[in-house]
Amino acid sequence: MTPEPTFECFRDTSYYDMWCVRPIANREFGQGFHVVRQEEAERLRDVLNLALETVADLREYVDGGIPDDDTSDLLMRLYASLGVK
């Protein structure tokens, strides 16, 4: 199961031109994470989307939908995205 991306990033001109990472459907003021650089925002967006994808895949595994071999691969992808070795 691969859900659609849930987080987006954009330059928030109303917040000191910082980059914002927020849930796509959320349009409320003051919501999300603000960072200085575009690269930080893109990385945070990607990690959050991957984490949600991994959680969805692990839920599928718990329900019997994913073989054991694939679970370790999912965790390794998440760890790699976080820089964990």
PDB file of N, CA and C in Angstrom:
ATOM      1  N   MET A   1       0.842  -1.179   0.000  1.00  0.00           N
ATOM      2  CA  MET A   1       0.000   0.000   0.000  1.00  0.00           C
ATOM      3  C   MET A   1       0.885   1.239   0.000  1.00  0.00           C
ATOM      4  N   THR A   2       0.693   2.116  -0.949  1.00  0.00           N
ATOM      5  CA  THR A   2       1.453   3.355  -0.998  1.00  0.00           C
ATOM      6  C   THR A   2       0.468   4.524  -1.011  1.00  0.00           C
ATOM      7  N   PRO A   3       0.271   5.162   0.152  1.00  0.00           N
ATOM      8  CA  PRO A   3      -0.682   6.274   0.187  1.00  0.00           C
ATOM      9  C   PRO A   3      -0.142   7.488  -0.561  1.00  0.00           C
ATOM     10  N   GLU A   4      -1.048   8.363  -0.934  1.00  0.00           N
ATOM     11  CA  GLU A   4      -0.646   9.616  -1.565  1.00  0.00           C
ATOM     12  C   GLU A   4       0.179  10.435  -0.573  1.00  0.00           C
ATOM     13  N   PRO A   5       1.089  11.280  -1.065  1.00  0.00           N
ATOM     14  CA  PRO A   5       1.834  12.151  -0.150  1.00  0.00           C
ATOM     15  C   PRO A   5       0.874  12.959   0.717  1.00  0.00           C
ATOM     16  N   THR A   6       1.207  13.083   1.978  1.00  0.00           N
ATOM     17  CA  THR A   6       0.344  13.755   2.938  1.00  0.00           C
ATOM     18  C   THR A   6       0.877  15.135   3.314  1.00  0.00           C
ATOM     19  N   PHE A   7       2.179  15.346   3.159  1.00  0.00           N
ATOM     20  CA  PHE A   7       2.786  16.618   3.518  1.00  0.00           C
ATOM     21  C   PHE A   7       3.293  17.348   2.279  1.00  0.00           C
ATOM     22  N   GLU A   8       3.259  18.664   2.340  1.00  0.00           N
ATOM     23  CA  GLU A   8       3.770  19.510   1.268  1.00  0.00           C
ATOM     24  C   GLU A   8       4.725  20.536   1.871  1.00  0.00           C
ATOM     25  N   CYS A   9       5.540  21.151   1.022  1.00  0.00           N
ATOM     26  CA  CYS A   9       6.387  22.247   1.494  1.00  0.00           C
ATOM     27  C   CYS A   9       6.266  23.413   0.519  1.00  0.00           C
ATOM     28  N   PHE A  10       6.381  24.614   1.064  1.00  0.00           N
ATOM     29  CA  PHE A  10       6.254  25.816   0.251  1.00  0.00           C
ATOM     30  C   PHE A  10       6.881  26.988   1.006  1.00  0.00           C
ATOM     31  N   ARG A  11       7.231  28.025   0.279  1.00  0.00           N
ATOM     32  CA  ARG A  11       7.754  29.247   0.898  1.00  0.00           C
ATOM     33  C   ARG A  11       6.569  30.030   1.438  1.00  0.00           C
ATOM     34  N   ASP A  12       6.598  30.305   2.719  1.00  0.00           N
ATOM     35  CA  ASP A  12       5.503  30.980   3.414  1.00  0.00           C
ATOM     36  C   ASP A  12       5.837  32.465   3.551  1.00  0.00           C
ATOM     37  N   THR A  13       5.346  33.266   2.635  1.00  0.00           N
ATOM     38  CA  THR A  13       5.663  34.703   2.656  1.00  0.00           C
ATOM     39  C   THR A  13       5.046  35.403   3.855  1.00  0.00           C
ATOM     40  N   SER A  14       4.003  34.831   4.441  1.00  0.00           N
ATOM     41  CA  SER A  14       3.386  35.444   5.615  1.00  0.00           C
ATOM     42  C   SER A  14       4.124  35.075   6.904  1.00  0.00           C
ATOM     43  N   TYR A  15       5.143  34.234   6.813  1.00  0.00           N
ATOM     44  CA  TYR A  15       5.904  33.810   7.989  1.00  0.00           C
ATOM     45  C   TYR A  15       7.385  34.041   7.724  1.00  0.00           C
ATOM     46  N   TYR A  16       7.746  35.294   7.541  1.00  0.00           N
ATOM     47  CA  TYR A  16       9.138  35.727   7.364  1.00  0.00           C
ATOM     48  C   TYR A  16       9.847  35.043   6.200  1.00  0.00           C
ATOM     49  N   ASP A  17       9.097  34.669   5.172  1.00  0.00           N
ATOM     50  CA  ASP A  17       9.643  33.991   3.991  1.00  0.00           C
ATOM     51  C   ASP A  17      10.334  32.667   4.321  1.00  0.00           C
ATOM     52  N   MET A  18       9.948  32.070   5.437  1.00  0.00           N
ATOM     53  CA  MET A  18      10.509  30.763   5.790  1.00  0.00           C
ATOM     54  C   MET A  18       9.770  29.692   4.998  1.00  0.00           C
ATOM     55  N   TRP A  19      10.351  28.509   4.965  1.00  0.00           N
ATOM     56  CA  TRP A  19       9.738  27.363   4.295  1.00  0.00           C
ATOM     57  C   TRP A  19       8.862  26.624   5.287  1.00  0.00           C
ATOM     58  N   CYS A  20       7.687  26.266   4.846  1.00  0.00           N
ATOM     59  CA  CYS A  20       6.720  25.583   5.706  1.00  0.00           C
ATOM     60  C   CYS A  20       6.493  24.165   5.197  1.00  0.00           C
ATOM     61  N   VAL A  21       6.400  23.222   6.130  1.00  0.00           N
ATOM     62  CA  VAL A  21       6.009  21.840   5.830  1.00  0.00           C
ATOM     63  C   VAL A  21       4.739  21.593   6.624  1.00  0.00           C
ATOM     64  N   ARG A  22       3.675  21.229   5.921  1.00  0.00           N
ATOM     65  CA  ARG A  22       2.390  21.029   6.591  1.00  0.00           C
ATOM     66  C   ARG A  22       1.600  19.939   5.877  1.00  0.00           C
ATOM     67  N   PRO A  23       0.582  19.410   6.567  1.00  0.00           N
ATOM     68  CA  PRO A  23      -0.310  18.475   5.889  1.00  0.00           C
ATOM     69  C   PRO A  23      -0.989  19.171   4.713  1.00  0.00           C
ATOM     70  N   ILE A  24      -1.129  18.482   3.602  1.00  0.00           N
ATOM     71  CA  ILE A  24      -1.664  19.075   2.378  1.00  0.00           C
ATOM     72  C   ILE A  24      -3.046  19.682   2.599  1.00  0.00           C
ATOM     73  N   ALA A  25      -3.901  19.023   3.321  1.00  0.00           N
ATOM     74  CA  ALA A  25      -5.273  19.493   3.485  1.00  0.00           C
ATOM     75  C   ALA A  25      -5.397  20.633   4.505  1.00  0.00           C
ATOM     76  N   ASN A  26      -4.349  20.929   5.256  1.00  0.00           N
ATOM     77  CA  ASN A  26      -4.431  21.933   6.316  1.00  0.00           C
ATOM     78  C   ASN A  26      -4.131  23.319   5.766  1.00  0.00           C
ATOM     79  N   ARG A  27      -5.078  24.228   5.888  1.00  0.00           N
ATOM     80  CA  ARG A  27      -4.896  25.601   5.406  1.00  0.00           C
ATOM     81  C   ARG A  27      -4.998  26.622   6.535  1.00  0.00           C
ATOM     82  N   GLU A  28      -4.930  26.155   7.781  1.00  0.00           N
ATOM     83  CA  GLU A  28      -5.038  27.066   8.916  1.00  0.00           C
ATOM     84  C   GLU A  28      -3.732  27.825   9.120  1.00  0.00           C
ATOM     85  N   PHE A  29      -3.846  29.055   9.560  1.00  0.00           N
ATOM     86  CA  PHE A  29      -2.668  29.862   9.835  1.00  0.00           C
ATOM     87  C   PHE A  29      -1.927  29.305  11.045  1.00  0.00           C
ATOM     88  N   GLY A  30      -0.613  29.330  10.963  1.00  0.00           N
ATOM     89  CA  GLY A  30       0.216  28.907  12.087  1.00  0.00           C
ATOM     90  C   GLY A  30       0.399  27.415  12.219  1.00  0.00           C
ATOM     91  N   GLN A  31      -0.061  26.650  11.254  1.00  0.00           N
ATOM     92  CA  GLN A  31       0.092  25.201  11.305  1.00  0.00           C
ATOM     93  C   GLN A  31       1.304  24.777  10.493  1.00  0.00           C
ATOM     94  N   GLY A  32       1.959  23.744  10.905  1.00  0.00           N
ATOM     95  CA  GLY A  32       3.095  23.214  10.160  1.00  0.00           C
ATOM     96  C   GLY A  32       4.413  23.526  10.839  1.00  0.00           C
ATOM     97  N   PHE A  33       5.485  23.067  10.202  1.00  0.00           N
ATOM     98  CA  PHE A  33       6.847  23.274  10.679  1.00  0.00           C
ATOM     99  C   PHE A  33       7.491  24.331   9.791  1.00  0.00           C
ATOM    100  N   HIS A  34       8.165  25.292  10.374  1.00  0.00           N
ATOM    101  CA  HIS A  34       8.849  26.313   9.580  1.00  0.00           C
ATOM    102  C   HIS A  34      10.360  26.136   9.719  1.00  0.00           C
ATOM    103  N   VAL A  35      11.035  26.136   8.580  1.00  0.00           N
ATOM    104  CA  VAL A  35      12.498  26.008   8.539  1.00  0.00           C
ATOM    105  C   VAL A  35      13.048  27.073   7.594  1.00  0.00           C
ATOM    106  N   VAL A  36      14.340  27.307   7.679  1.00  0.00           N
ATOM    107  CA  VAL A  36      14.957  28.393   6.929  1.00  0.00           C
ATOM    108  C   VAL A  36      15.200  28.031   5.467  1.00  0.00           C
ATOM    109  N   ARG A  37      15.739  26.837   5.221  1.00  0.00           N
ATOM    110  CA  ARG A  37      16.168  26.500   3.858  1.00  0.00           C
ATOM    111  C   ARG A  37      15.192  25.563   3.154  1.00  0.00           C
ATOM    112  N   GLN A  38      15.137  25.710   1.845  1.00  0.00           N
ATOM    113  CA  GLN A  38      14.279  24.872   1.022  1.00  0.00           C
ATOM    114  C   GLN A  38      14.679  23.402   1.151  1.00  0.00           C
ATOM    115  N   GLU A  39      15.982  23.128   1.189  1.00  0.00           N
ATOM    116  CA  GLU A  39      16.445  21.739   1.292  1.00  0.00           C
ATOM    117  C   GLU A  39      15.956  21.095   2.585  1.00  0.00           C
ATOM    118  N   GLU A  40      15.945  21.858   3.682  1.00  0.00           N
ATOM    119  CA  GLU A  40      15.445  21.330   4.950  1.00  0.00           C
ATOM    120  C   GLU A  40      13.966  20.986   4.841  1.00  0.00           C
ATOM    121  N   ALA A  41      13.214  21.871   4.215  1.00  0.00           N
ATOM    122  CA  ALA A  41      11.773  21.653   4.068  1.00  0.00           C
ATOM    123  C   ALA A  41      11.493  20.420   3.207  1.00  0.00           C
ATOM    124  N   GLU A  42      12.209  20.297   2.107  1.00  0.00           N
ATOM    125  CA  GLU A  42      11.995  19.152   1.224  1.00  0.00           C
ATOM    126  C   GLU A  42      12.362  17.848   1.922  1.00  0.00           C
ATOM    127  N   ARG A  43      13.439  17.860   2.664  1.00  0.00           N
ATOM    128  CA  ARG A  43      13.879  16.654   3.395  1.00  0.00           C
ATOM    129  C   ARG A  43      12.864  16.271   4.472  1.00  0.00           C
ATOM    130  N   LEU A  44      12.404  17.269   5.224  1.00  0.00           N
ATOM    131  CA  LEU A  44      11.411  17.004   6.268  1.00  0.00           C
ATOM    132  C   LEU A  44      10.119  16.472   5.655  1.00  0.00           C
ATOM    133  N   ARG A  45       9.663  17.080   4.552  1.00  0.00           N
ATOM    134  CA  ARG A  45       8.470  16.611   3.848  1.00  0.00           C
ATOM    135  C   ARG A  45       8.643  15.152   3.423  1.00  0.00           C
ATOM    136  N   ASP A  46       9.797  14.837   2.841  1.00  0.00           N
ATOM    137  CA  ASP A  46      10.039  13.481   2.354  1.00  0.00           C
ATOM    138  C   ASP A  46      10.076  12.470   3.491  1.00  0.00           C
ATOM    139  N   VAL A  47      10.715  12.839   4.603  1.00  0.00           N
ATOM    140  CA  VAL A  47      10.801  11.928   5.757  1.00  0.00           C
ATOM    141  C   VAL A  47       9.413  11.696   6.345  1.00  0.00           C
ATOM    142  N   LEU A  48       8.614  12.760   6.481  1.00  0.00           N
ATOM    143  CA  LEU A  48       7.265  12.595   7.029  1.00  0.00           C
ATOM    144  C   LEU A  48       6.397  11.737   6.114  1.00  0.00           C
ATOM    145  N   ASN A  49       6.485  11.968   4.810  1.00  0.00           N
ATOM    146  CA  ASN A  49       5.708  11.152   3.872  1.00  0.00           C
ATOM    147  C   ASN A  49       6.162   9.698   3.892  1.00  0.00           C
ATOM    148  N   LEU A  50       7.472   9.468   3.966  1.00  0.00           N
ATOM    149  CA  LEU A  50       7.985   8.096   4.026  1.00  0.00           C
ATOM    150  C   LEU A  50       7.576   7.417   5.327  1.00  0.00           C
ATOM    151  N   ALA A  51       7.607   8.169   6.429  1.00  0.00           N
ATOM    152  CA  ALA A  51       7.205   7.597   7.714  1.00  0.00           C
ATOM    153  C   ALA A  51       5.743   7.165   7.680  1.00  0.00           C
ATOM    154  N   LEU A  52       4.895   7.997   7.090  1.00  0.00           N
ATOM    155  CA  LEU A  52       3.481   7.630   6.992  1.00  0.00           C
ATOM    156  C   LEU A  52       3.281   6.423   6.076  1.00  0.00           C
ATOM    157  N   GLU A  53       4.041   6.375   4.993  1.00  0.00           N
ATOM    158  CA  GLU A  53       3.969   5.223   4.085  1.00  0.00           C
ATOM    159  C   GLU A  53       4.410   3.958   4.809  1.00  0.00           C
ATOM    160  N   THR A  54       5.479   4.075   5.596  1.00  0.00           N
ATOM    161  CA  THR A  54       5.996   2.917   6.330  1.00  0.00           C
ATOM    162  C   THR A  54       5.000   2.445   7.375  1.00  0.00           C
ATOM    163  N   VAL A  55       4.380   3.380   8.074  1.00  0.00           N
ATOM    164  CA  VAL A  55       3.368   3.012   9.064  1.00  0.00           C
ATOM    165  C   VAL A  55       2.201   2.303   8.382  1.00  0.00           C
ATOM    166  N   ALA A  56       1.772   2.823   7.239  1.00  0.00           N
ATOM    167  CA  ALA A  56       0.679   2.178   6.501  1.00  0.00           C
ATOM    168  C   ALA A  56       1.077   0.766   6.080  1.00  0.00           C
ATOM    169  N   ASP A  57       2.314   0.606   5.602  1.00  0.00           N
ATOM    170  CA  ASP A  57       2.782  -0.719   5.186  1.00  0.00           C
ATOM    171  C   ASP A  57       2.880  -1.662   6.383  1.00  0.00           C
ATOM    172  N   LEU A  58       3.334  -1.153   7.523  1.00  0.00           N
ATOM    173  CA  LEU A  58       3.439  -2.004   8.705  1.00  0.00           C
ATOM    174  C   LEU A  58       2.063  -2.392   9.231  1.00  0.00           C
ATOM    175  N   ARG A  59       1.108  -1.494   9.116  1.00  0.00           N
ATOM    176  CA  ARG A  59      -0.268  -1.860   9.501  1.00  0.00           C
ATOM    177  C   ARG A  59      -0.777  -2.994   8.609  1.00  0.00           C
ATOM    178  N   GLU A  60      -0.462  -2.903   7.331  1.00  0.00           N
ATOM    179  CA  GLU A  60      -0.854  -3.957   6.399  1.00  0.00           C
ATOM    180  C   GLU A  60      -0.185  -5.275   6.795  1.00  0.00           C
ATOM    181  N   TYR A  61       1.094  -5.187   7.207  1.00  0.00           N
ATOM    182  CA  TYR A  61       1.823  -6.381   7.625  1.00  0.00           C
ATOM    183  C   TYR A  61       1.163  -7.010   8.855  1.00  0.00           C
ATOM    184  N   VAL A  62       0.802  -6.182   9.824  1.00  0.00           N
ATOM    185  CA  VAL A  62       0.179  -6.686  11.041  1.00  0.00           C
ATOM    186  C   VAL A  62      -1.126  -7.402  10.705  1.00  0.00           C
ATOM    187  N   ASP A  63      -1.812  -6.907   9.699  1.00  0.00           N
ATOM    188  CA  ASP A  63      -3.055  -7.554   9.267  1.00  0.00           C
ATOM    189  C   ASP A  63      -2.812  -8.750   8.359  1.00  0.00           C
ATOM    190  N   GLY A  64      -1.530  -9.093   8.133  1.00  0.00           N
ATOM    191  CA  GLY A  64      -1.207 -10.271   7.346  1.00  0.00           C
ATOM    192  C   GLY A  64      -0.984 -10.014   5.875  1.00  0.00           C
ATOM    193  N   GLY A  65      -0.793  -8.756   5.478  1.00  0.00           N
ATOM    194  CA  GLY A  65      -0.689  -8.451   4.068  1.00  0.00           C
ATOM    195  C   GLY A  65       0.719  -8.381   3.511  1.00  0.00           C
ATOM    196  N   ILE A  66       1.753  -8.330   4.347  1.00  0.00           N
ATOM    197  CA  ILE A  66       3.120  -8.174   3.850  1.00  0.00           C
ATOM    198  C   ILE A  66       3.992  -9.296   4.421  1.00  0.00           C
ATOM    199  N   PRO A  67       4.774  -9.974   3.584  1.00  0.00           N
ATOM    200  CA  PRO A  67       5.682 -11.014   4.091  1.00  0.00           C
ATOM    201  C   PRO A  67       6.761 -10.420   5.002  1.00  0.00           C
ATOM    202  N   ASP A  68       7.302 -11.251   5.893  1.00  0.00           N
ATOM    203  CA  ASP A  68       8.323 -10.804   6.854  1.00  0.00           C
ATOM    204  C   ASP A  68       9.519 -10.143   6.185  1.00  0.00           C
ATOM    205  N   ASP A  69       9.954 -10.669   5.050  1.00  0.00           N
ATOM    206  CA  ASP A  69      11.151 -10.133   4.387  1.00  0.00           C
ATOM    207  C   ASP A  69      10.988  -8.667   4.012  1.00  0.00           C
ATOM    208  N   ASP A  70       9.790  -8.255   3.640  1.00  0.00           N
ATOM    209  CA  ASP A  70       9.552  -6.881   3.216  1.00  0.00           C
ATOM    210  C   ASP A  70       9.545  -5.907   4.387  1.00  0.00           C
ATOM    211  N   THR A  71       9.211  -6.381   5.591  1.00  0.00           N
ATOM    212  CA  THR A  71       9.136  -5.495   6.748  1.00  0.00           C
ATOM    213  C   THR A  71      10.496  -4.910   7.086  1.00  0.00           C
ATOM    214  N   SER A  72      11.532  -5.713   7.083  1.00  0.00           N
ATOM    215  CA  SER A  72      12.856  -5.195   7.395  1.00  0.00           C
ATOM    216  C   SER A  72      13.300  -4.179   6.352  1.00  0.00           C
ATOM    217  N   ASP A  73      12.918  -4.395   5.093  1.00  0.00           N
ATOM    218  CA  ASP A  73      13.239  -3.435   4.048  1.00  0.00           C
ATOM    219  C   ASP A  73      12.548  -2.100   4.314  1.00  0.00           C
ATOM    220  N   LEU A  74      11.298  -2.138   4.749  1.00  0.00           N
ATOM    221  CA  LEU A  74      10.567  -0.905   5.061  1.00  0.00           C
ATOM    222  C   LEU A  74      11.246  -0.144   6.194  1.00  0.00           C
ATOM    223  N   LEU A  75      11.640  -0.865   7.238  1.00  0.00           N
ATOM    224  CA  LEU A  75      12.315  -0.214   8.361  1.00  0.00           C
ATOM    225  C   LEU A  75      13.669   0.344   7.952  1.00  0.00           C
ATOM    226  N   MET A  76      14.401  -0.380   7.113  1.00  0.00           N
ATOM    227  CA  MET A  76      15.706   0.102   6.657  1.00  0.00           C
ATOM    228  C   MET A  76      15.548   1.371   5.825  1.00  0.00           C
ATOM    229  N   ARG A  77      14.501   1.454   5.005  1.00  0.00           N
ATOM    230  CA  ARG A  77      14.255   2.672   4.229  1.00  0.00           C
ATOM    231  C   ARG A  77      13.966   3.849   5.145  1.00  0.00           C
ATOM    232  N   LEU A  78      13.179   3.616   6.189  1.00  0.00           N
ATOM    233  CA  LEU A  78      12.872   4.687   7.135  1.00  0.00           C
ATOM    234  C   LEU A  78      14.132   5.116   7.880  1.00  0.00           C
ATOM    235  N   TYR A  79      14.906   4.156   8.372  1.00  0.00           N
ATOM    236  CA  TYR A  79      16.157   4.487   9.069  1.00  0.00           C
ATOM    237  C   TYR A  79      17.110   5.255   8.158  1.00  0.00           C
ATOM    238  N   ALA A  80      17.224   4.828   6.905  1.00  0.00           N
ATOM    239  CA  ALA A  80      18.117   5.503   5.968  1.00  0.00           C
ATOM    240  C   ALA A  80      17.676   6.947   5.734  1.00  0.00           C
ATOM    241  N   SER A  81      16.381   7.167   5.647  1.00  0.00           N
ATOM    242  CA  SER A  81      15.892   8.532   5.427  1.00  0.00           C
ATOM    243  C   SER A  81      16.172   9.429   6.623  1.00  0.00           C
ATOM    244  N   LEU A  82      16.268   8.816   7.807  1.00  0.00           N
ATOM    245  CA  LEU A  82      16.572   9.589   9.015  1.00  0.00           C
ATOM    246  C   LEU A  82      18.078   9.675   9.281  1.00  0.00           C
ATOM    247  N   GLY A  83      18.863   8.998   8.472  1.00  0.00           N
ATOM    248  CA  GLY A  83      20.311   9.018   8.645  1.00  0.00           C
ATOM    249  C   GLY A  83      20.798   8.048   9.703  1.00  0.00           C
ATOM    250  N   VAL A  84      19.960   7.097  10.099  1.00  0.00           N
ATOM    251  CA  VAL A  84      20.339   6.096  11.094  1.00  0.00           C
ATOM    252  C   VAL A  84      21.030   4.941  10.396  1.00  0.00           C
ATOM    253  N   LYS A  85      22.162   4.483  10.945  1.00  0.00           N
ATOM    254  CA  LYS A  85      22.879   3.344  10.368  1.00  0.00           C
ATOM    255  C   LYS A  85      22.734   2.117  11.200  1.00  0.00           C
TER     256      LYS A  85
END
